[in-house]
Amino acid sequence: MDGLGTDFHTCDNEINWHGPEDNVWDCQLSGMPDINTGNPATQDKLAAYLNKLKDMGIYGFRIDAAKSIRPNELKEILDKAGEPWAFLEVIDNRDSVGLSDYDWMDYKLTEFGYATKMRDLFVNGQIKWLRTFGDSWMSIPGSKAWVFITNHDCERGHGGGGTIHYDEPNGAQNLASIFMLAHPFGTPKIHSGFKFHHENQGRPQGAVDCDSSEWICQHRWGNIANMVGFRSRVGDTPVANWWSNGNNQIAFSRGDRGFVVINNEGGTLSRSFQTGLPEGNYCDVLSHANGCDGTIVSVDSQGNATISVRSYSAAAIHRGFMQDAADNWYFRGTPNGWEAMLLEHVSGNEYKTCQTFGNGDENGGPRFKIDRSGDWTESYPNTDYGVASGKSYDIRFYSDSHSITTAEVADC
């Protein structure tokens, strides 16, 4: 670096988040020198660093403490880095700087208010109020919001705090996460961490071990892992078929693609619901970690189904997991480490998935195959199907002809 007057700001004062904008953007945080993001040469160095990471295969970036960088200067750095996929951490307690200073940029922003509202409802309130949940509740629209139930700062009482802790009674963090993944507002992030007993406690020693009692590993919780699949299946379909008991039991569909029931009360919830789904036998993906190994929910020709959910639990069905699908076909490729992932049965002989491809693996570039039984006994095409790196594709497979089509899309 070239010195404090060139690559760093000269303000030696600590940031006062309640102070003027220049103080927030130009002064030090916890004694750390503040980079002069207004200097074009410094911008070039930061952009070169981001590009180097991209060349190494890094897919996206979280811009920590973006609130302490002038919006136009941050935009110039990201432009010079080729507009990488990124989201910006802006804690909006509406002091002198907040979300409205950054929402003009084409990047998603952390909506900390989402997490505190989920705590207010799932721990201290009534989830029936979520019927009207949407843009009007939040500081920024869902299309801009990066949402979460907690994160590494908030669970320790930092960054505003006030979120649902991992050991909250009655599995509140799990149920709130299910709602977040089932509802269309925002782009969800699952925090996965470890046990701690004081705010400055570090990670357990050794490798991450999700079988250890020291690691929480929320991303491995069956409900959360399977709801990621639910969200990818329902796409951008709207909320419909809302039901509540007027207190802490709710249910809703995502168009005609999926249906979820959340019981945030003691005692079993059992009733007939209008699911909005086509007739068929659906796998409750929240009753067992492995797709169709749990409860089967039968939807009749009118879209009705009787669903039972025990206390402080949930159920979810979607069209990607049906017991009586004509055939099971699986996607296997570089995006998922060649694991078998069930394709969605569209209709007749057509199946689909949407996948985002990176740079491939140690054996070659980005590619995939379609596997009939998930065991490589029958797969297509004979050689791997290659695609371009860094692209997202709508992939269609036709089981009668064993043909594959790919169409590039903006995102999955």
Protein backbone atom coordinates (compact mmCIF):
# COMPACT_ATOMS: atom_id res chain seq x y z
CA MET A 1 0.00 0.00 0.00
CA ASP A 2 1.07 3.55 -0.62
CA GLY A 3 0.51 5.13 2.77
CA LEU A 4 -2.28 6.45 4.94
CA GLY A 5 -2.92 9.46 2.71
CA THR A 6 -3.42 7.40 -0.43
CA ASP A 7 -4.69 3.90 0.24
CA PHE A 8 -6.18 4.67 3.66
CA HIS A 9 -8.34 7.44 5.06
CA THR A 10 -6.60 9.78 7.46
CA CYS A 11 -9.41 9.87 10.05
CA ASP A 12 -8.12 8.21 13.22
CA ASN A 13 -11.42 8.53 15.10
CA GLU A 14 -13.69 5.58 15.80
CA ILE A 15 -16.87 5.26 13.74
CA ASN A 16 -19.90 6.71 15.50
CA TRP A 17 -22.89 5.00 13.87
CA HIS A 18 -25.08 7.86 15.09
CA GLY A 19 -22.68 10.44 13.70
CA PRO A 20 -22.53 12.19 10.32
CA GLU A 21 -22.11 10.19 7.10
CA ASP A 22 -18.47 11.23 6.65
CA ASN A 23 -17.62 9.75 10.03
CA VAL A 24 -19.30 6.43 9.17
CA TRP A 25 -17.59 6.23 5.77
CA ASP A 26 -14.11 7.62 6.54
CA CYS A 27 -13.22 6.67 10.13
CA GLN A 28 -11.94 3.56 11.86
CA LEU A 29 -13.89 0.54 13.08
CA SER A 30 -12.40 -1.05 16.22
CA GLY A 31 -9.06 0.61 15.57
CA MET A 32 -8.62 -0.87 12.09
CA PRO A 33 -7.24 1.52 9.42
CA ASP A 34 -10.00 2.45 6.97
CA ILE A 35 -9.27 1.82 3.28
CA ASN A 36 -9.58 4.86 1.03
CA THR A 37 -12.17 3.45 -1.36
CA GLY A 38 -12.38 6.77 -3.18
CA ASN A 39 -8.85 6.49 -4.58
CA PRO A 40 -9.01 4.98 -8.12
CA ALA A 41 -5.67 3.19 -7.66
CA THR A 42 -6.91 1.62 -4.43
CA GLN A 43 -10.15 0.63 -6.16
CA ASP A 44 -8.09 -1.11 -8.83
CA LYS A 45 -6.22 -3.11 -6.20
CA LEU A 46 -9.44 -4.20 -4.48
CA ALA A 47 -11.02 -5.13 -7.82
CA ALA A 48 -7.91 -7.13 -8.77
CA TYR A 49 -8.21 -9.02 -5.50
CA LEU A 50 -11.85 -9.90 -6.20
CA ASN A 51 -10.97 -11.00 -9.73
CA LYS A 52 -8.16 -13.19 -8.40
CA LEU A 53 -10.67 -14.92 -6.12
CA LYS A 54 -13.06 -15.36 -9.03
CA ASP A 55 -10.26 -16.97 -11.05
CA MET A 56 -9.80 -19.43 -8.17
CA GLY A 57 -13.44 -20.49 -8.49
CA ILE A 58 -15.09 -18.30 -5.82
CA TYR A 59 -18.73 -17.94 -6.87
CA GLY A 60 -19.92 -14.99 -4.77
CA PHE A 61 -19.09 -12.50 -2.07
CA ARG A 62 -20.49 -11.05 1.14
CA ILE A 63 -19.35 -7.45 1.50
CA ASP A 64 -18.86 -7.12 5.24
CA ALA A 65 -19.67 -3.74 6.81
CA ALA A 66 -20.70 -2.30 3.45
CA LYS A 67 -22.40 0.42 5.47
CA SER A 68 -18.97 1.89 6.22
CA ILE A 69 -18.13 2.33 2.50
CA ARG A 70 -19.52 5.17 0.40
CA PRO A 71 -22.16 3.63 -1.90
CA ASN A 72 -20.81 5.15 -5.13
CA GLU A 73 -17.26 4.04 -4.29
CA LEU A 74 -18.36 0.49 -3.50
CA LYS A 75 -20.24 0.42 -6.81
CA GLU A 76 -17.10 1.55 -8.67
CA ILE A 77 -15.03 -1.24 -7.08
CA LEU A 78 -17.60 -3.91 -7.96
CA ASP A 79 -17.93 -2.53 -11.49
CA LYS A 80 -14.17 -2.79 -11.94
CA ALA A 81 -14.37 -6.39 -10.68
CA GLY A 82 -16.84 -7.26 -13.44
CA GLU A 83 -20.00 -6.96 -11.32
CA PRO A 84 -19.56 -10.23 -9.38
CA TRP A 85 -22.44 -11.90 -7.56
CA ALA A 86 -22.47 -10.27 -4.14
CA PHE A 87 -24.66 -9.13 -1.31
CA LEU A 88 -24.01 -6.18 0.98
CA GLU A 89 -24.12 -6.20 4.78
CA VAL A 90 -25.98 -3.07 5.81
CA ILE A 91 -27.36 -3.05 9.35
CA ASP A 92 -30.23 -0.58 9.12
CA ASN A 93 -30.95 1.00 12.48
CA ARG A 94 -31.57 4.21 10.52
CA ASP A 95 -28.87 6.29 12.08
CA SER A 96 -27.12 8.49 9.54
CA VAL A 97 -26.58 5.64 7.03
CA GLY A 98 -28.97 2.81 6.13
CA LEU A 99 -30.46 0.55 3.48
CA SER A 100 -31.92 3.41 1.47
CA ASP A 101 -28.39 4.65 0.72
CA TYR A 102 -27.56 1.35 -1.05
CA ASP A 103 -30.81 0.01 -2.49
CA TRP A 104 -30.25 1.71 -5.86
CA MET A 105 -27.43 -0.73 -6.63
CA ASP A 106 -28.09 -4.04 -8.36
CA TYR A 107 -27.05 -6.07 -5.33
CA LYS A 108 -29.06 -7.69 -2.57
CA LEU A 109 -28.91 -6.19 0.92
CA THR A 110 -29.06 -7.82 4.34
CA GLU A 111 -32.50 -7.25 5.86
CA PHE A 112 -31.78 -7.59 9.58
CA GLY A 113 -35.35 -6.60 10.40
CA TYR A 114 -36.57 -9.90 8.95
CA ALA A 115 -34.83 -11.92 11.67
CA THR A 116 -36.17 -9.79 14.50
CA LYS A 117 -39.72 -10.01 13.15
CA MET A 118 -39.47 -13.80 12.94
CA ARG A 119 -38.46 -13.86 16.61
CA ASP A 120 -41.33 -11.56 17.53
CA LEU A 121 -43.81 -13.95 15.90
CA PHE A 122 -42.41 -17.46 16.43
CA VAL A 123 -41.19 -16.94 20.01
CA ASN A 124 -43.25 -14.10 21.45
CA GLY A 125 -46.30 -13.71 19.24
CA GLN A 126 -48.76 -15.36 16.87
CA ILE A 127 -47.72 -16.61 13.44
CA LYS A 128 -51.26 -16.08 12.13
CA TRP A 129 -50.16 -12.52 11.34
CA LEU A 130 -47.84 -13.86 8.64
CA ARG A 131 -50.85 -13.99 6.30
CA THR A 132 -50.04 -10.44 5.14
CA PHE A 133 -46.27 -10.80 5.31
CA GLY A 134 -44.45 -9.22 2.39
CA ASP A 135 -42.83 -6.05 1.10
CA SER A 136 -45.02 -3.75 3.22
CA TRP A 137 -43.55 -5.25 6.40
CA MET A 138 -39.91 -4.56 5.58
CA SER A 139 -37.55 -1.71 4.77
CA ILE A 140 -36.77 -3.03 1.28
CA PRO A 141 -38.73 -5.23 -1.14
CA GLY A 142 -38.20 -8.98 -1.24
CA SER A 143 -36.44 -8.70 -4.59
CA LYS A 144 -33.62 -6.82 -2.83
CA ALA A 145 -33.63 -8.53 0.56
CA TRP A 146 -31.11 -11.10 1.78
CA VAL A 147 -32.93 -12.65 4.73
CA PHE A 148 -32.03 -14.97 7.59
CA ILE A 149 -33.33 -16.26 10.93
CA THR A 150 -30.01 -15.58 12.63
CA ASN A 151 -26.36 -15.11 11.70
CA HIS A 152 -22.93 -15.33 13.31
CA ASP A 153 -23.24 -11.84 14.81
CA CYS A 154 -26.88 -11.76 15.85
CA GLU A 155 -26.84 -15.09 17.68
CA ARG A 156 -24.19 -13.57 19.96
CA GLY A 157 -26.18 -10.38 20.53
CA HIS A 158 -24.11 -8.35 18.06
CA GLY A 159 -25.32 -6.63 14.88
CA GLY A 160 -28.62 -5.69 16.45
CA GLY A 161 -29.21 -9.10 18.07
CA GLY A 162 -32.78 -10.05 18.88
CA THR A 163 -32.89 -13.23 16.77
CA ILE A 164 -33.93 -16.83 17.46
CA HIS A 165 -31.16 -18.78 19.20
CA TYR A 166 -30.31 -22.34 18.17
CA ASP A 167 -31.43 -23.80 21.51
CA GLU A 168 -34.67 -21.80 21.74
CA PRO A 169 -37.49 -23.91 23.25
CA ASN A 170 -39.84 -25.87 20.99
CA GLY A 171 -37.52 -25.77 17.97
CA ALA A 172 -38.41 -22.18 17.12
CA GLN A 173 -35.34 -21.68 14.92
CA ASN A 174 -36.22 -24.76 12.89
CA LEU A 175 -39.87 -23.74 12.38
CA ALA A 176 -38.96 -20.17 11.48
CA SER A 177 -36.41 -21.48 8.98
CA ILE A 178 -39.08 -23.69 7.41
CA PHE A 179 -41.31 -20.64 6.99
CA MET A 180 -38.46 -18.61 5.49
CA LEU A 181 -37.74 -21.31 2.91
CA ALA A 182 -41.43 -21.88 2.14
CA HIS A 183 -42.39 -18.21 1.73
CA PRO A 184 -41.36 -16.26 -1.40
CA PHE A 185 -40.09 -13.10 0.33
CA GLY A 186 -36.39 -12.44 -0.08
CA THR A 187 -33.37 -14.62 -0.78
CA PRO A 188 -32.86 -16.88 2.26
CA LYS A 189 -29.57 -17.69 3.98
CA ILE A 190 -29.20 -20.59 6.43
CA HIS A 191 -26.73 -19.96 9.22
CA SER A 192 -24.89 -23.08 10.35
CA GLY A 193 -22.65 -22.96 13.37
CA PHE A 194 -21.47 -24.43 16.66
CA LYS A 195 -22.34 -24.30 20.35
CA PHE A 196 -20.96 -21.44 22.39
CA HIS A 197 -21.32 -20.29 26.00
CA HIS A 198 -20.09 -16.72 25.74
CA GLU A 199 -20.06 -14.23 22.89
CA ASN A 200 -16.34 -14.41 22.13
CA GLN A 201 -16.03 -18.20 22.17
CA GLY A 202 -14.38 -19.61 19.05
CA ARG A 203 -15.10 -22.73 17.06
CA PRO A 204 -14.35 -26.21 18.44
CA GLN A 205 -10.87 -27.47 17.64
CA GLY A 206 -10.35 -29.86 14.75
CA ALA A 207 -12.35 -30.46 11.62
CA VAL A 208 -16.07 -29.71 11.37
CA ASP A 209 -17.93 -32.72 12.76
CA CYS A 210 -21.70 -32.55 12.43
CA ASP A 211 -22.02 -35.78 14.42
CA SER A 212 -20.37 -34.08 17.39
CA SER A 213 -22.44 -32.44 20.12
CA GLU A 214 -20.25 -29.35 19.76
CA TRP A 215 -21.49 -28.55 16.27
CA ILE A 216 -25.06 -27.40 15.55
CA CYS A 217 -24.87 -27.78 11.74
CA GLN A 218 -28.32 -26.34 11.00
CA HIS A 219 -27.79 -26.95 7.28
CA ARG A 220 -27.85 -30.69 8.04
CA TRP A 221 -31.18 -30.57 9.90
CA GLY A 222 -33.52 -32.69 7.78
CA ASN A 223 -36.29 -30.10 7.82
CA ILE A 224 -34.04 -27.31 6.63
CA ALA A 225 -32.14 -29.39 4.05
CA ASN A 226 -35.36 -30.72 2.52
CA MET A 227 -37.00 -27.28 2.49
CA VAL A 228 -34.18 -26.01 0.29
CA GLY A 229 -35.44 -28.57 -2.25
CA PHE A 230 -39.01 -27.40 -1.65
CA ARG A 231 -38.06 -23.80 -2.41
CA SER A 232 -36.27 -24.71 -5.61
CA ARG A 233 -39.33 -26.68 -6.78
CA VAL A 234 -41.96 -24.02 -6.15
CA GLY A 235 -40.01 -21.28 -7.94
CA ASP A 236 -41.64 -17.86 -7.91
CA THR A 237 -45.23 -19.05 -7.51
CA PRO A 238 -47.33 -16.89 -5.15
CA VAL A 239 -48.77 -17.76 -1.75
CA ALA A 240 -52.30 -19.18 -1.97
CA ASN A 241 -54.75 -21.34 0.01
CA TRP A 242 -53.87 -19.64 3.30
CA TRP A 243 -55.23 -21.19 6.51
CA SER A 244 -54.69 -20.46 10.20
CA ASN A 245 -56.36 -21.43 13.44
CA GLY A 246 -56.27 -17.80 14.55
CA ASN A 247 -53.20 -18.37 16.67
CA ASN A 248 -49.97 -20.31 16.00
CA GLN A 249 -50.92 -22.87 13.38
CA ILE A 250 -50.73 -21.91 9.70
CA ALA A 251 -50.74 -23.53 6.27
CA PHE A 252 -50.38 -22.22 2.73
CA SER A 253 -49.57 -23.32 -0.79
CA ARG A 254 -47.15 -21.94 -3.32
CA GLY A 255 -49.48 -21.84 -6.29
CA ASP A 256 -50.01 -25.40 -7.48
CA ARG A 257 -46.41 -26.44 -6.78
CA GLY A 258 -46.14 -27.04 -3.04
CA PHE A 259 -47.96 -26.89 0.30
CA VAL A 260 -46.67 -26.43 3.86
CA VAL A 261 -48.22 -26.73 7.34
CA ILE A 262 -46.53 -25.24 10.43
CA ASN A 263 -47.73 -26.13 13.93
CA ASN A 264 -46.13 -23.76 16.43
CA GLU A 265 -48.34 -25.01 19.29
CA GLY A 266 -48.50 -27.91 21.67
CA GLY A 267 -50.79 -30.75 20.58
CA THR A 268 -51.25 -32.43 17.21
CA LEU A 269 -52.83 -30.53 14.32
CA SER A 270 -54.89 -32.82 12.09
CA ARG A 271 -57.42 -31.65 9.51
CA SER A 272 -58.29 -31.54 5.82
CA PHE A 273 -56.58 -28.76 3.84
CA GLN A 274 -57.12 -27.35 0.38
CA THR A 275 -53.59 -27.75 -0.96
CA GLY A 276 -54.01 -26.40 -4.48
CA LEU A 277 -52.00 -29.38 -5.79
CA PRO A 278 -52.97 -31.90 -8.48
CA GLU A 279 -54.29 -35.29 -7.44
CA GLY A 280 -51.65 -37.78 -6.36
CA ASN A 281 -49.66 -39.31 -3.52
CA TYR A 282 -47.05 -36.90 -2.21
CA CYS A 283 -44.08 -37.48 0.07
CA ASP A 284 -44.02 -35.33 3.21
CA VAL A 285 -40.41 -34.23 2.89
CA LEU A 286 -40.32 -33.09 6.54
CA SER A 287 -41.27 -36.45 8.01
CA HIS A 288 -38.02 -38.15 7.02
CA ALA A 289 -34.61 -36.92 5.90
CA ASN A 290 -34.72 -39.14 2.82
CA GLY A 291 -37.53 -37.83 0.63
CA CYS A 292 -40.21 -40.50 0.29
CA ASP A 293 -39.15 -42.69 3.24
CA GLY A 294 -41.62 -40.96 5.56
CA THR A 295 -45.32 -40.05 5.54
CA ILE A 296 -47.31 -40.16 2.30
CA VAL A 297 -50.01 -37.50 1.83
CA SER A 298 -52.86 -38.31 -0.58
CA VAL A 299 -54.35 -35.33 -2.45
CA ASP A 300 -57.76 -35.99 -4.00
CA SER A 301 -59.13 -34.78 -7.32
CA GLN A 302 -60.35 -31.55 -5.66
CA GLY A 303 -56.94 -30.74 -4.20
CA ASN A 304 -57.89 -31.68 -0.64
CA ALA A 305 -55.67 -33.68 1.72
CA THR A 306 -55.78 -34.71 5.37
CA ILE A 307 -52.49 -33.85 7.04
CA SER A 308 -51.45 -34.50 10.64
CA VAL A 309 -48.62 -32.54 12.23
CA ARG A 310 -47.44 -33.13 15.77
CA SER A 311 -46.72 -30.27 18.18
CA TYR A 312 -44.02 -27.78 17.25
CA SER A 313 -43.42 -29.44 13.92
CA ALA A 314 -44.26 -29.03 10.23
CA ALA A 315 -45.18 -30.90 7.06
CA ALA A 316 -44.45 -30.05 3.43
CA ILE A 317 -45.31 -31.61 0.09
CA HIS A 318 -44.39 -30.58 -3.44
CA ARG A 319 -44.57 -31.86 -6.97
CA GLY A 320 -40.91 -32.83 -7.08
CA PHE A 321 -41.51 -35.72 -4.66
CA MET A 322 -44.50 -37.87 -5.56
CA GLN A 323 -44.69 -41.53 -4.63
CA ASP A 324 -46.46 -42.54 -7.82
CA ALA A 325 -44.45 -40.62 -10.43
CA ALA A 326 -44.24 -42.50 -13.74
CA ASP A 327 -40.49 -43.01 -13.32
CA ASN A 328 -37.72 -41.71 -11.16
CA TRP A 329 -34.91 -39.95 -13.00
CA TYR A 330 -31.98 -38.25 -11.33
CA PHE A 331 -29.63 -35.37 -12.14
CA ARG A 332 -25.97 -36.06 -11.35
CA GLY A 333 -23.18 -33.64 -12.21
CA THR A 334 -20.46 -31.28 -11.12
CA PRO A 335 -22.80 -28.79 -9.34
CA ASN A 336 -23.84 -31.41 -6.76
CA GLY A 337 -20.72 -33.57 -6.61
CA TRP A 338 -22.36 -36.24 -8.77
CA GLU A 339 -24.88 -37.12 -6.07
CA ALA A 340 -28.28 -38.41 -7.26
CA MET A 341 -30.90 -35.61 -7.18
CA LEU A 342 -34.47 -36.47 -8.20
CA LEU A 343 -35.73 -34.61 -11.26
CA GLU A 344 -39.13 -32.95 -11.13
CA HIS A 345 -41.77 -34.81 -13.15
CA VAL A 346 -43.42 -32.12 -15.29
CA SER A 347 -45.90 -34.25 -17.24
CA GLY A 348 -45.88 -37.31 -19.46
CA ASN A 349 -42.29 -38.08 -20.40
CA GLU A 350 -40.87 -34.68 -19.45
CA TYR A 351 -38.68 -34.06 -16.40
CA LYS A 352 -36.75 -30.94 -15.39
CA THR A 353 -34.29 -29.28 -13.06
CA CYS A 354 -32.48 -25.94 -12.88
CA GLN A 355 -28.78 -25.99 -12.12
CA THR A 356 -26.01 -23.41 -11.75
CA PHE A 357 -22.60 -24.66 -12.93
CA GLY A 358 -19.21 -23.62 -11.64
CA ASN A 359 -15.87 -24.49 -13.18
CA GLY A 360 -16.26 -28.28 -13.06
CA ASP A 361 -14.13 -30.63 -10.99
CA GLU A 362 -10.72 -32.27 -11.02
CA ASN A 363 -11.78 -34.52 -13.89
CA GLY A 364 -12.99 -31.86 -16.28
CA GLY A 365 -15.25 -28.90 -16.95
CA PRO A 366 -18.88 -28.38 -15.92
CA ARG A 367 -21.03 -31.32 -17.03
CA PHE A 368 -23.76 -33.75 -16.01
CA LYS A 369 -25.69 -36.92 -16.80
CA ILE A 370 -29.25 -38.14 -16.20
CA ASP A 371 -29.38 -41.39 -14.22
CA ARG A 372 -32.51 -43.57 -14.13
CA SER A 373 -32.17 -45.28 -10.76
CA GLY A 374 -29.51 -43.20 -9.06
CA ASP A 375 -27.06 -46.10 -9.23
CA TRP A 376 -25.47 -45.63 -12.70
CA THR A 377 -27.11 -48.80 -14.11
CA GLU A 378 -28.73 -46.68 -16.85
CA SER A 379 -27.69 -43.11 -17.59
CA TYR A 380 -27.77 -40.62 -20.48
CA PRO A 381 -26.04 -39.44 -22.56
CA ASN A 382 -23.29 -42.02 -23.09
CA THR A 383 -20.68 -39.34 -22.52
CA ASP A 384 -21.09 -36.46 -20.07
CA TYR A 385 -23.24 -33.53 -21.21
CA GLY A 386 -20.99 -30.45 -21.15
CA VAL A 387 -22.11 -26.86 -20.49
CA ALA A 388 -20.46 -23.47 -20.01
CA SER A 389 -18.98 -22.54 -16.64
CA GLY A 390 -20.59 -19.86 -14.52
CA LYS A 391 -23.99 -20.31 -16.18
CA SER A 392 -27.43 -21.41 -15.01
CA TYR A 393 -29.55 -23.75 -17.14
CA ASP A 394 -33.10 -25.00 -17.29
CA ILE A 395 -32.51 -28.68 -18.08
CA ARG A 396 -35.24 -30.88 -19.61
CA PHE A 397 -35.06 -34.66 -19.98
CA TYR A 398 -37.48 -36.71 -22.10
CA SER A 399 -37.69 -40.31 -20.92
CA ASP A 400 -39.22 -41.66 -24.17
CA SER A 401 -36.35 -40.49 -26.38
CA HIS A 402 -33.68 -40.10 -23.65
CA SER A 403 -32.99 -36.65 -25.12
CA ILE A 404 -31.83 -33.61 -23.17
CA THR A 405 -32.36 -29.89 -23.80
CA THR A 406 -30.69 -27.01 -21.99
CA ALA A 407 -31.74 -23.35 -21.96
CA GLU A 408 -29.63 -20.70 -20.29
CA VAL A 409 -31.50 -18.73 -17.60
CA ALA A 410 -30.52 -15.74 -15.46
CA ASP A 411 -30.58 -17.70 -12.21
CA CYS A 412 -31.92 -20.84 -10.53
